[in-house]
C-alpha cells in the first residue's frame, strides 16, 4: 500500500473531465500535498521536449496518465490517424521517460475500446486479445492498448512498476457537451434540454438504440484510480466499471424523463451503433483493490443534468 499523502503526483490531462475530479479527490480524500497537472497549453505531451520539461519542473514520484485525444463515434470516424498517433506517441514517450527517470509508479489509463468488437459479455480481462476492436474506434483503442504492451514489457525487462486500467464510458458533472465530440450521455442531455428550450417536438438520435453500454460515474472512476494507485502493482490489466449494461434506447428514455423532454425520439438508423454490447466483468478490481461503484445510474444522471443546466 502506497501512502499517497507525501508523494509528488503528476496527473496528465488534469484539466480534463476525469482529471479535474481525480485531482480534487486526491487533495480532499487523501490529503495529498503535491499534486501537479500536466496538460495543454503548458505541456504538449506529444512532444518529447515538453515531457522532459514537465519531469524537470514537477519531479513526480507517481504519474497518473489520463491525457488522451478522444471523441464519440463521429469524431473517431473522422480522425483515425490523429487519434492513433496522438494517443500512442504521448503514452509511449511519457512511460519511457518515466522509466528512464526511475519514477516509483506509472498508472496508465486505457479504455473499454481496447476490447475486440465481438467479446463475450461481460468482458473479462483475459479476452482482451481475442480479436480486433470495433472499427470506428479501433485506432484509438489500439493506441491505448500499446501502453499495456509497453507496461508489461517494461515490467518484465526492467522491473518498472506500470499498471494498466480500463474504464468504461464515464459521465458526470463537467463532462464534454460539445455535439461534435461528446459521448452519448452528454449528447442526449444536450439534445433534450435544447429541444425543451426551442419548443421542438422531437429529437434525433444516432443508430437503432439496440446497442448496450455500461456507464461509470466520474467520481467513482476517480476513486477506482486512486485505490489502484495505492494498492495494485501487477502487470495484468484491470477493468474499471459499474458492472451493469443498459440499452441506448432505455438510456435515452431515462434522460428524456429526467430532463422533462416529452417529445418524440426519432432513431436515425443510417448512423452506426458502434460496438453491439459493452459490459465489463468488474470482479478483479473488487478483488485486487476493493473497488466497487457506489453511484446508481439514475442518481448520476440527475447530478449530471443539474450540473449542465446550471453551467451551460
C-alpha atoms as a PDB file:
ATOM      1  CA  UNK A   1       0.000   0.000   0.000  1.00  0.00           C
ATOM      2  CA  UNK A   2       1.445   3.347  -1.074  1.00  0.00           C
ATOM      3  CA  UNK A   3       0.649   6.284   1.189  1.00  0.00           C
ATOM      4  CA  UNK A   4      -0.049   8.995  -1.383  1.00  0.00           C
ATOM      5  CA  UNK A   5      -0.129  11.899   1.063  1.00  0.00           C
ATOM      6  CA  UNK A   6       3.583  12.778   0.799  1.00  0.00           C
ATOM      7  CA  UNK A   7       4.119  11.643  -2.801  1.00  0.00           C
ATOM      8  CA  UNK A   8       4.631  14.023  -5.696  1.00  0.00           C
ATOM      9  CA  UNK A   9       1.857  13.037  -8.116  1.00  0.00           C
ATOM     10  CA  UNK A  10       1.528  14.270 -11.692  1.00  0.00           C
ATOM     11  CA  UNK A  11      -1.863  13.863 -13.370  1.00  0.00           C
ATOM     12  CA  UNK A  12      -1.629  14.217 -17.150  1.00  0.00           C
ATOM     13  CA  UNK A  13      -4.836  15.618 -18.590  1.00  0.00           C
ATOM     14  CA  UNK A  14      -5.530  17.002 -15.114  1.00  0.00           C
ATOM     15  CA  UNK A  15      -7.645  19.861 -16.510  1.00  0.00           C
ATOM     16  CA  UNK A  16      -9.920  17.418 -18.330  1.00  0.00           C
ATOM     17  CA  UNK A  17     -13.202  15.863 -17.267  1.00  0.00           C
ATOM     18  CA  UNK A  18     -11.845  12.905 -15.280  1.00  0.00           C
ATOM     19  CA  UNK A  19      -8.639  14.752 -14.342  1.00  0.00           C
ATOM     20  CA  UNK A  20     -10.473  17.572 -12.567  1.00  0.00           C
ATOM     21  CA  UNK A  21     -12.369  15.096 -10.377  1.00  0.00           C
ATOM     22  CA  UNK A  22      -9.254  12.990  -9.715  1.00  0.00           C
ATOM     23  CA  UNK A  23      -7.090  15.964  -8.702  1.00  0.00           C
ATOM     24  CA  UNK A  24      -9.761  17.209  -6.317  1.00  0.00           C
ATOM     25  CA  UNK A  25     -10.262  13.745  -4.803  1.00  0.00           C
ATOM     26  CA  UNK A  26      -6.502  13.240  -4.278  1.00  0.00           C
ATOM     27  CA  UNK A  27      -6.364  16.517  -2.354  1.00  0.00           C
ATOM     28  CA  UNK A  28      -9.612  16.128  -0.402  1.00  0.00           C
ATOM     29  CA  UNK A  29      -9.947  12.413   0.380  1.00  0.00           C
ATOM     30  CA  UNK A  30      -6.225  11.529   0.587  1.00  0.00           C
ATOM     31  CA  UNK A  31      -4.849  14.923   1.750  1.00  0.00           C
ATOM     32  CA  UNK A  32      -2.204  14.801  -0.999  1.00  0.00           C
ATOM     33  CA  UNK A  33       0.053  17.823  -0.659  1.00  0.00           C
ATOM     34  CA  UNK A  34       1.879  17.722  -4.011  1.00  0.00           C
ATOM     35  CA  UNK A  35      -0.477  17.130  -6.932  1.00  0.00           C
ATOM     36  CA  UNK A  36       0.633  18.577 -10.266  1.00  0.00           C
ATOM     37  CA  UNK A  37      -1.166  18.881 -13.576  1.00  0.00           C
ATOM     38  CA  UNK A  38       0.474  18.234 -16.942  1.00  0.00           C
ATOM     39  CA  UNK A  39      -1.885  19.495 -19.612  1.00  0.00           C
ATOM     40  CA  UNK A  40      -2.179  21.889 -22.533  1.00  0.00           C
ATOM     41  CA  UNK A  41      -1.158  24.643 -23.091  1.00  0.00           C
ATOM     42  CA  UNK A  42       1.755  24.405 -20.606  1.00  0.00           C
ATOM     43  CA  UNK A  43       2.805  20.953 -21.786  1.00  0.00           C
ATOM     44  CA  UNK A  44       2.103  19.329 -25.148  1.00  0.00           C
ATOM     45  CA  UNK A  45       2.753  15.715 -24.212  1.00  0.00           C
ATOM     46  CA  UNK A  46       3.051  14.686 -27.857  1.00  0.00           C
ATOM     47  CA  UNK A  47       6.427  16.486 -27.828  1.00  0.00           C
ATOM     48  CA  UNK A  48       9.350  14.811 -26.098  1.00  0.00           C
ATOM     49  CA  UNK A  49      10.899  18.147 -25.093  1.00  0.00           C
ATOM     50  CA  UNK A  50       7.689  19.086 -23.272  1.00  0.00           C
ATOM     51  CA  UNK A  51       7.625  15.716 -21.497  1.00  0.00           C
ATOM     52  CA  UNK A  52      11.234  16.204 -20.338  1.00  0.00           C
ATOM     53  CA  UNK A  53      10.491  19.757 -19.197  1.00  0.00           C
ATOM     54  CA  UNK A  54       7.451  18.503 -17.259  1.00  0.00           C
ATOM     55  CA  UNK A  55       9.610  15.932 -15.416  1.00  0.00           C
ATOM     56  CA  UNK A  56      12.230  18.600 -14.669  1.00  0.00           C
ATOM     57  CA  UNK A  57       9.577  21.028 -13.376  1.00  0.00           C
ATOM     58  CA  UNK A  58       7.379  18.674 -11.360  1.00  0.00           C
ATOM     59  CA  UNK A  59       9.789  15.869 -10.287  1.00  0.00           C
ATOM     60  CA  UNK A  60       6.960  13.338  -9.822  1.00  0.00           C
ATOM     61  CA  UNK A  61       7.181  10.109  -7.833  1.00  0.00           C
ATOM     62  CA  UNK A  62       4.000   8.862  -9.498  1.00  0.00           C
ATOM     63  CA  UNK A  63       2.457   9.591 -12.905  1.00  0.00           C
ATOM     64  CA  UNK A  64      -1.263   9.035 -13.494  1.00  0.00           C
ATOM     65  CA  UNK A  65      -1.644   9.254 -17.261  1.00  0.00           C
ATOM     66  CA  UNK A  66      -5.172  10.348 -18.177  1.00  0.00           C
ATOM     67  CA  UNK A  67      -4.380  12.671 -21.095  1.00  0.00           C
ATOM     68  CA  UNK A  68      -5.963  11.458 -24.318  1.00  0.00           C
ATOM     69  CA  UNK A  69      -7.384  12.706 -27.591  1.00  0.00           C
ATOM     70  CA  UNK A  70     -10.933  11.313 -27.550  1.00  0.00           C
ATOM     71  CA  UNK A  71     -14.409  11.663 -29.003  1.00  0.00           C
ATOM     72  CA  UNK A  72     -17.612   9.856 -29.884  1.00  0.00           C
ATOM     73  CA  UNK A  73     -18.271   7.669 -32.945  1.00  0.00           C
ATOM     74  CA  UNK A  74     -18.358  10.640 -35.346  1.00  0.00           C
ATOM     75  CA  UNK A  75     -15.044  12.107 -34.153  1.00  0.00           C
ATOM     76  CA  UNK A  76     -13.411   8.661 -34.258  1.00  0.00           C
ATOM     77  CA  UNK A  77     -14.521   8.115 -37.855  1.00  0.00           C
ATOM     78  CA  UNK A  78     -13.181  11.490 -38.974  1.00  0.00           C
ATOM     79  CA  UNK A  79      -9.808  11.387 -37.161  1.00  0.00           C
ATOM     80  CA  UNK A  80      -8.499   7.789 -37.115  1.00  0.00           C
ATOM     81  CA  UNK A  81      -4.920   8.813 -37.917  1.00  0.00           C
ATOM     82  CA  UNK A  82      -4.816  11.659 -35.422  1.00  0.00           C
ATOM     83  CA  UNK A  83      -6.418   9.575 -32.666  1.00  0.00           C
ATOM     84  CA  UNK A  84      -3.901   6.778 -33.222  1.00  0.00           C
ATOM     85  CA  UNK A  85      -0.767   8.930 -33.469  1.00  0.00           C
ATOM     86  CA  UNK A  86      -1.534  11.430 -30.705  1.00  0.00           C
ATOM     87  CA  UNK A  87      -2.521   8.800 -28.141  1.00  0.00           C
ATOM     88  CA  UNK A  88       0.271   6.355 -28.982  1.00  0.00           C
ATOM     89  CA  UNK A  89       3.126   8.872 -29.138  1.00  0.00           C
ATOM     90  CA  UNK A  90       2.015  10.644 -25.956  1.00  0.00           C
ATOM     91  CA  UNK A  91       1.819   7.472 -23.870  1.00  0.00           C
ATOM     92  CA  UNK A  92       4.878   5.675 -25.237  1.00  0.00           C
ATOM     93  CA  UNK A  93       7.252   8.619 -24.772  1.00  0.00           C
ATOM     94  CA  UNK A  94       5.820   9.503 -21.382  1.00  0.00           C
ATOM     95  CA  UNK A  95       6.189   5.984 -19.994  1.00  0.00           C
ATOM     96  CA  UNK A  96       9.704   5.610 -21.435  1.00  0.00           C
ATOM     97  CA  UNK A  97      10.831   8.878 -19.869  1.00  0.00           C
ATOM     98  CA  UNK A  98       9.255   7.814 -16.546  1.00  0.00           C
ATOM     99  CA  UNK A  99      11.268   4.569 -16.710  1.00  0.00           C
ATOM    100  CA  UNK A 100      14.499   6.428 -17.574  1.00  0.00           C
ATOM    101  CA  UNK A 101      13.972   8.697 -14.563  1.00  0.00           C
ATOM    102  CA  UNK A 102      13.245   5.745 -12.296  1.00  0.00           C
ATOM    103  CA  UNK A 103       9.899   7.010 -11.035  1.00  0.00           C
ATOM    104  CA  UNK A 104       8.091   4.909  -8.438  1.00  0.00           C
ATOM    105  CA  UNK A 105       4.872   4.124 -10.329  1.00  0.00           C
ATOM    106  CA  UNK A 106       3.160   4.779 -13.648  1.00  0.00           C
ATOM    107  CA  UNK A 107      -0.626   4.415 -13.868  1.00  0.00           C
ATOM    108  CA  UNK A 108      -1.831   4.175 -17.486  1.00  0.00           C
ATOM    109  CA  UNK A 109      -5.488   4.657 -18.320  1.00  0.00           C
ATOM    110  CA  UNK A 110      -6.687   2.500 -21.182  1.00  0.00           C
ATOM    111  CA  UNK A 111     -10.236   2.238 -22.447  1.00  0.00           C
ATOM    112  CA  UNK A 112     -13.031  -0.254 -22.996  1.00  0.00           C
ATOM    113  CA  UNK A 113     -12.353   0.375 -26.727  1.00  0.00           C
ATOM    114  CA  UNK A 114      -9.292  -1.900 -26.330  1.00  0.00           C
ATOM    115  CA  UNK A 115     -11.595  -4.935 -26.364  1.00  0.00           C
ATOM    116  CA  UNK A 116     -12.437  -6.925 -29.521  1.00  0.00           C
ATOM    117  CA  UNK A 117     -15.653  -5.949 -31.334  1.00  0.00           C
ATOM    118  CA  UNK A 118     -17.229  -9.313 -30.525  1.00  0.00           C
ATOM    119  CA  UNK A 119     -16.344 -10.093 -26.939  1.00  0.00           C
ATOM    120  CA  UNK A 120     -18.373 -12.384 -24.726  1.00  0.00           C
ATOM    121  CA  UNK A 121     -20.339 -10.286 -22.223  1.00  0.00           C
ATOM    122  CA  UNK A 122     -19.300  -9.445 -19.560  1.00  0.00           C
ATOM    123  CA  UNK A 123     -15.828  -8.576 -20.911  1.00  0.00           C
ATOM    124  CA  UNK A 124     -13.116 -10.308 -18.901  1.00  0.00           C
ATOM    125  CA  UNK A 125      -9.515  -9.079 -18.913  1.00  0.00           C
ATOM    126  CA  UNK A 126      -8.311 -12.378 -20.397  1.00  0.00           C
ATOM    127  CA  UNK A 127     -10.495 -11.769 -23.517  1.00  0.00           C
ATOM    128  CA  UNK A 128      -8.521  -8.650 -24.434  1.00  0.00           C
ATOM    129  CA  UNK A 129      -6.557 -10.238 -27.295  1.00  0.00           C
ATOM    130  CA  UNK A 130      -9.346 -12.420 -28.727  1.00  0.00           C
ATOM    131  CA  UNK A 131      -9.984 -10.258 -31.813  1.00  0.00           C
ATOM    132  CA  UNK A 132      -9.860  -6.822 -33.475  1.00  0.00           C
ATOM    133  CA  UNK A 133     -11.591  -3.827 -31.844  1.00  0.00           C
ATOM    134  CA  UNK A 134     -14.780  -2.268 -33.232  1.00  0.00           C
ATOM    135  CA  UNK A 135     -13.711  -0.491 -36.444  1.00  0.00           C
ATOM    136  CA  UNK A 136     -14.895   3.063 -35.689  1.00  0.00           C
ATOM    137  CA  UNK A 137     -12.711   3.369 -32.586  1.00  0.00           C
ATOM    138  CA  UNK A 138     -10.019   0.745 -33.284  1.00  0.00           C
ATOM    139  CA  UNK A 139      -7.176   3.252 -33.934  1.00  0.00           C
ATOM    140  CA  UNK A 140      -7.849   4.944 -30.581  1.00  0.00           C
ATOM    141  CA  UNK A 141      -8.354   1.637 -28.754  1.00  0.00           C
ATOM    142  CA  UNK A 142      -5.193   0.078 -30.203  1.00  0.00           C
ATOM    143  CA  UNK A 143      -3.057   3.150 -29.442  1.00  0.00           C
ATOM    144  CA  UNK A 144      -4.129   2.831 -25.811  1.00  0.00           C
ATOM    145  CA  UNK A 145      -3.606  -0.944 -25.875  1.00  0.00           C
ATOM    146  CA  UNK A 146       0.035  -0.416 -26.869  1.00  0.00           C
ATOM    147  CA  UNK A 147       0.564   1.159 -23.440  1.00  0.00           C
ATOM    148  CA  UNK A 148      -0.410  -2.181 -21.905  1.00  0.00           C
ATOM    149  CA  UNK A 149       2.165  -3.930 -24.110  1.00  0.00           C
ATOM    150  CA  UNK A 150       4.765  -1.342 -23.077  1.00  0.00           C
ATOM    151  CA  UNK A 151       3.848  -1.544 -19.379  1.00  0.00           C
ATOM    152  CA  UNK A 152       4.146  -5.345 -19.382  1.00  0.00           C
ATOM    153  CA  UNK A 153       7.385  -5.324 -21.391  1.00  0.00           C
ATOM    154  CA  UNK A 154       8.989  -2.741 -19.076  1.00  0.00           C
ATOM    155  CA  UNK A 155       7.759  -4.653 -16.042  1.00  0.00           C
ATOM    156  CA  UNK A 156       9.316  -7.855 -17.383  1.00  0.00           C
ATOM    157  CA  UNK A 157      12.635  -6.412 -18.563  1.00  0.00           C
ATOM    158  CA  UNK A 158      13.260  -3.527 -16.150  1.00  0.00           C
ATOM    159  CA  UNK A 159      11.044  -4.299 -13.130  1.00  0.00           C
ATOM    160  CA  UNK A 160       9.252  -0.996 -13.838  1.00  0.00           C
ATOM    161  CA  UNK A 161       6.010  -0.572 -11.855  1.00  0.00           C
ATOM    162  CA  UNK A 162       3.452   0.354 -14.514  1.00  0.00           C
ATOM    163  CA  UNK A 163      -0.209  -0.654 -14.238  1.00  0.00           C
ATOM    164  CA  UNK A 164      -2.985  -0.510 -16.844  1.00  0.00           C
ATOM    165  CA  UNK A 165      -6.631   0.272 -16.025  1.00  0.00           C
ATOM    166  CA  UNK A 166      -9.536   0.047 -18.497  1.00  0.00           C
ATOM    167  CA  UNK A 167     -12.544   2.176 -17.585  1.00  0.00           C
ATOM    168  CA  UNK A 168     -15.924   2.017 -19.311  1.00  0.00           C
ATOM    169  CA  UNK A 169     -17.676   5.126 -20.648  1.00  0.00           C
ATOM    170  CA  UNK A 170     -17.589   7.810 -17.974  1.00  0.00           C
ATOM    171  CA  UNK A 171     -20.163  10.531 -17.363  1.00  0.00           C
ATOM    172  CA  UNK A 172     -20.930  13.156 -14.753  1.00  0.00           C
ATOM    173  CA  UNK A 173     -20.658  16.865 -13.884  1.00  0.00           C
ATOM    174  CA  UNK A 174     -18.067  18.617 -16.034  1.00  0.00           C
ATOM    175  CA  UNK A 175     -18.482  16.217 -18.973  1.00  0.00           C
ATOM    176  CA  UNK A 176     -17.890  17.354 -22.567  1.00  0.00           C
ATOM    177  CA  UNK A 177     -21.171  18.634 -24.035  1.00  0.00           C
ATOM    178  CA  UNK A 178     -19.757  19.712 -27.434  1.00  0.00           C
ATOM    179  CA  UNK A 179     -22.018  17.991 -30.019  1.00  0.00           C
ATOM    180  CA  UNK A 180     -19.024  17.407 -32.331  1.00  0.00           C
ATOM    181  CA  UNK A 181     -17.011  15.343 -29.852  1.00  0.00           C
ATOM    182  CA  UNK A 182     -19.232  14.387 -26.918  1.00  0.00           C
ATOM    183  CA  UNK A 183     -20.146  10.851 -25.898  1.00  0.00           C
ATOM    184  CA  UNK A 184     -23.695   9.566 -25.733  1.00  0.00           C
ATOM    185  CA  UNK A 185     -24.898  10.746 -22.277  1.00  0.00           C
ATOM    186  CA  UNK A 186     -23.914  14.441 -22.588  1.00  0.00           C
ATOM    187  CA  UNK A 187     -25.037  14.438 -26.240  1.00  0.00           C
ATOM    188  CA  UNK A 188     -28.537  13.196 -25.318  1.00  0.00           C
ATOM    189  CA  UNK A 189     -28.824  15.516 -22.303  1.00  0.00           C
ATOM    190  CA  UNK A 190     -27.956  18.488 -24.519  1.00  0.00           C
ATOM    191  CA  UNK A 191     -30.429  17.402 -27.215  1.00  0.00           C
ATOM    192  CA  UNK A 192     -33.266  17.079 -24.695  1.00  0.00           C
ATOM    193  CA  UNK A 193     -32.556  20.418 -22.977  1.00  0.00           C
ATOM    194  CA  UNK A 194     -32.111  22.217 -26.332  1.00  0.00           C
ATOM    195  CA  UNK A 195     -35.384  20.747 -27.598  1.00  0.00           C
ATOM    196  CA  UNK A 196     -37.213  21.952 -24.465  1.00  0.00           C
ATOM    197  CA  UNK A 197     -35.637  25.424 -24.813  1.00  0.00           C
ATOM    198  CA  UNK A 198     -36.543  25.656 -28.520  1.00  0.00           C
ATOM    199  CA  UNK A 199     -40.008  24.124 -28.190  1.00  0.00           C
ATOM    200  CA  UNK A 200     -39.090  21.256 -30.550  1.00  0.00           C
ATOM    201  CA  UNK A 201     -41.437  18.270 -30.595  1.00  0.00           C
ATOM    202  CA  UNK A 202     -38.744  15.664 -31.383  1.00  0.00           C
ATOM    203  CA  UNK A 203     -35.056  14.799 -31.109  1.00  0.00           C
ATOM    204  CA  UNK A 204     -32.975  12.666 -33.498  1.00  0.00           C
ATOM    205  CA  UNK A 205     -30.634  10.042 -32.037  1.00  0.00           C
ATOM    206  CA  UNK A 206     -27.983   8.003 -33.884  1.00  0.00           C
ATOM    207  CA  UNK A 207     -28.383   4.276 -34.530  1.00  0.00           C
ATOM    208  CA  UNK A 208     -31.101   1.794 -33.644  1.00  0.00           C
ATOM    209  CA  UNK A 209     -30.935   2.138 -29.862  1.00  0.00           C
ATOM    210  CA  UNK A 210     -30.338  -1.601 -29.533  1.00  0.00           C
ATOM    211  CA  UNK A 211     -26.632  -1.408 -28.685  1.00  0.00           C
ATOM    212  CA  UNK A 212     -25.875  -1.648 -24.975  1.00  0.00           C
ATOM    213  CA  UNK A 213     -23.312   0.236 -22.917  1.00  0.00           C
ATOM    214  CA  UNK A 214     -22.031   0.372 -19.373  1.00  0.00           C
ATOM    215  CA  UNK A 215     -21.568   3.761 -17.738  1.00  0.00           C
ATOM    216  CA  UNK A 216     -19.484   4.708 -14.715  1.00  0.00           C
ATOM    217  CA  UNK A 217     -19.995   7.910 -12.752  1.00  0.00           C
ATOM    218  CA  UNK A 218     -16.835  10.024 -12.888  1.00  0.00           C
ATOM    219  CA  UNK A 219     -16.420  10.302  -9.088  1.00  0.00           C
ATOM    220  CA  UNK A 220     -16.468   6.509  -8.834  1.00  0.00           C
ATOM    221  CA  UNK A 221     -13.861   6.272 -11.596  1.00  0.00           C
ATOM    222  CA  UNK A 222     -11.594   8.722  -9.752  1.00  0.00           C
ATOM    223  CA  UNK A 223     -11.855   6.624  -6.584  1.00  0.00           C
ATOM    224  CA  UNK A 224     -11.011   3.442  -8.545  1.00  0.00           C
ATOM    225  CA  UNK A 225      -7.865   5.044  -9.974  1.00  0.00           C
ATOM    226  CA  UNK A 226      -6.723   6.209  -6.521  1.00  0.00           C
ATOM    227  CA  UNK A 227      -7.317   2.770  -4.988  1.00  0.00           C
ATOM    228  CA  UNK A 228      -5.349   1.103  -7.799  1.00  0.00           C
ATOM    229  CA  UNK A 229      -2.524   3.636  -7.398  1.00  0.00           C
ATOM    230  CA  UNK A 230      -2.366   2.841  -3.673  1.00  0.00           C
ATOM    231  CA  UNK A 231      -2.809  -0.929  -3.779  1.00  0.00           C
ATOM    232  CA  UNK A 232      -2.286  -2.548  -7.201  1.00  0.00           C
ATOM    233  CA  UNK A 233       1.185  -3.369  -8.552  1.00  0.00           C
ATOM    234  CA  UNK A 234       0.691  -6.231 -11.031  1.00  0.00           C
ATOM    235  CA  UNK A 235       1.315  -6.025 -14.792  1.00  0.00           C
ATOM    236  CA  UNK A 236      -2.084  -7.541 -15.699  1.00  0.00           C
ATOM    237  CA  UNK A 237      -4.781  -5.120 -16.936  1.00  0.00           C
ATOM    238  CA  UNK A 238      -7.837  -4.362 -14.766  1.00  0.00           C
ATOM    239  CA  UNK A 239     -11.386  -3.394 -15.782  1.00  0.00           C
ATOM    240  CA  UNK A 240     -12.935  -0.362 -14.078  1.00  0.00           C
ATOM    241  CA  UNK A 241     -16.710  -0.291 -14.369  1.00  0.00           C
ATOM    242  CA  UNK A 242     -20.100  -0.283 -12.720  1.00  0.00           C
ATOM    243  CA  UNK A 243     -20.945  -3.903 -13.560  1.00  0.00           C
ATOM    244  CA  UNK A 244     -24.241  -3.383 -15.440  1.00  0.00           C
ATOM    245  CA  UNK A 245     -25.315  -2.669 -19.023  1.00  0.00           C
ATOM    246  CA  UNK A 246     -28.195  -0.657 -20.440  1.00  0.00           C
ATOM    247  CA  UNK A 247     -29.562  -0.410 -23.983  1.00  0.00           C
ATOM    248  CA  UNK A 248     -29.104   3.031 -25.544  1.00  0.00           C
ATOM    249  CA  UNK A 249     -32.875   3.107 -26.176  1.00  0.00           C
ATOM    250  CA  UNK A 250     -33.569   2.717 -22.445  1.00  0.00           C
ATOM    251  CA  UNK A 251     -30.874   5.239 -21.571  1.00  0.00           C
ATOM    252  CA  UNK A 252     -32.437   7.856 -23.873  1.00  0.00           C
ATOM    253  CA  UNK A 253     -35.862   7.266 -22.301  1.00  0.00           C
ATOM    254  CA  UNK A 254     -34.453   7.780 -18.778  1.00  0.00           C
ATOM    255  CA  UNK A 255     -32.662  11.006 -19.814  1.00  0.00           C
ATOM    256  CA  UNK A 256     -35.826  12.290 -21.526  1.00  0.00           C
ATOM    257  CA  UNK A 257     -37.790  11.614 -18.324  1.00  0.00           C
ATOM    258  CA  UNK A 258     -35.204  13.244 -16.034  1.00  0.00           C
ATOM    259  CA  UNK A 259     -34.843  16.355 -18.231  1.00  0.00           C
ATOM    260  CA  UNK A 260     -38.613  16.677 -18.713  1.00  0.00           C
ATOM    261  CA  UNK A 261     -38.479  16.237 -22.503  1.00  0.00           C
ATOM    262  CA  UNK A 262     -41.852  14.855 -23.613  1.00  0.00           C
ATOM    263  CA  UNK A 263     -41.429  14.915 -27.407  1.00  0.00           C
ATOM    264  CA  UNK A 264     -40.792  12.125 -29.897  1.00  0.00           C
ATOM    265  CA  UNK A 265     -37.481  10.256 -30.160  1.00  0.00           C
ATOM    266  CA  UNK A 266     -36.535   9.532 -33.793  1.00  0.00           C
ATOM    267  CA  UNK A 267     -33.803   6.933 -34.436  1.00  0.00           C
ATOM    268  CA  UNK A 268     -31.527   7.662 -37.417  1.00  0.00           C
ATOM    269  CA  UNK A 269     -30.713   4.087 -38.424  1.00  0.00           C
ATOM    270  CA  UNK A 270     -28.408   5.261 -41.240  1.00  0.00           C
ATOM    271  CA  UNK A 271     -25.917   6.095 -38.457  1.00  0.00           C
ATOM    272  CA  UNK A 272     -23.803   3.386 -36.786  1.00  0.00           C
ATOM    273  CA  UNK A 273     -24.485   1.807 -33.398  1.00  0.00           C
ATOM    274  CA  UNK A 274     -20.800   1.149 -32.698  1.00  0.00           C
ATOM    275  CA  UNK A 275     -19.945  -1.989 -30.736  1.00  0.00           C
ATOM    276  CA  UNK A 276     -23.073  -4.173 -30.222  1.00  0.00           C
ATOM    277  CA  UNK A 277     -22.674  -4.698 -26.467  1.00  0.00           C
ATOM    278  CA  UNK A 278     -20.335  -3.418 -23.804  1.00  0.00           C
ATOM    279  CA  UNK A 279     -20.195  -4.520 -20.223  1.00  0.00           C
ATOM    280  CA  UNK A 280     -17.207  -5.331 -18.057  1.00  0.00           C
ATOM    281  CA  UNK A 281     -16.573  -8.058 -15.546  1.00  0.00           C
ATOM    282  CA  UNK A 282     -15.505  -5.875 -12.606  1.00  0.00           C
ATOM    283  CA  UNK A 283     -14.691  -8.644 -10.124  1.00  0.00           C
ATOM    284  CA  UNK A 284     -10.914  -8.256 -10.459  1.00  0.00           C
ATOM    285  CA  UNK A 285     -10.938  -4.605  -9.333  1.00  0.00           C
ATOM    286  CA  UNK A 286     -13.011  -5.588  -6.318  1.00  0.00           C
ATOM    287  CA  UNK A 287     -10.710  -8.499  -5.509  1.00  0.00           C
ATOM    288  CA  UNK A 288      -7.391  -6.679  -6.065  1.00  0.00           C
ATOM    289  CA  UNK A 289      -8.068  -3.228  -4.608  1.00  0.00           C
ATOM    290  CA  UNK A 290     -11.591  -3.313  -3.144  1.00  0.00           C
ATOM    291  CA  UNK A 291     -13.216  -1.077  -5.743  1.00  0.00           C
ATOM    292  CA  UNK A 292     -16.979  -1.116  -6.161  1.00  0.00           C
ATOM    293  CA  UNK A 293     -19.020   1.599  -7.902  1.00  0.00           C
ATOM    294  CA  UNK A 294     -21.312   3.448  -5.478  1.00  0.00           C
ATOM    295  CA  UNK A 295     -23.438   5.761  -7.664  1.00  0.00           C
ATOM    296  CA  UNK A 296     -26.596   4.445  -9.344  1.00  0.00           C
ATOM    297  CA  UNK A 297     -27.178   5.430 -12.985  1.00  0.00           C
ATOM    298  CA  UNK A 298     -30.311   7.448 -12.183  1.00  0.00           C
ATOM    299  CA  UNK A 299     -28.597   9.359  -9.355  1.00  0.00           C
ATOM    300  CA  UNK A 300     -25.540  10.031 -11.533  1.00  0.00           C
ATOM    301  CA  UNK A 301     -27.691  11.237 -14.433  1.00  0.00           C
ATOM    302  CA  UNK A 302     -29.655  13.579 -12.142  1.00  0.00           C
ATOM    303  CA  UNK A 303     -26.419  15.191 -10.900  1.00  0.00           C
ATOM    304  CA  UNK A 304     -25.084  15.487 -14.459  1.00  0.00           C
ATOM    305  CA  UNK A 305     -28.284  17.115 -15.760  1.00  0.00           C
ATOM    306  CA  UNK A 306     -28.369  19.538 -12.812  1.00  0.00           C
ATOM    307  CA  UNK A 307     -24.731  20.483 -13.458  1.00  0.00           C
ATOM    308  CA  UNK A 308     -25.371  21.058 -17.164  1.00  0.00           C
ATOM    309  CA  UNK A 309     -28.489  23.194 -16.609  1.00  0.00           C
ATOM    310  CA  UNK A 310     -26.619  25.324 -14.074  1.00  0.00           C
ATOM    311  CA  UNK A 311     -23.374  25.692 -16.077  1.00  0.00           C
ATOM    312  CA  UNK A 312     -24.341  25.813 -19.735  1.00  0.00           C
END
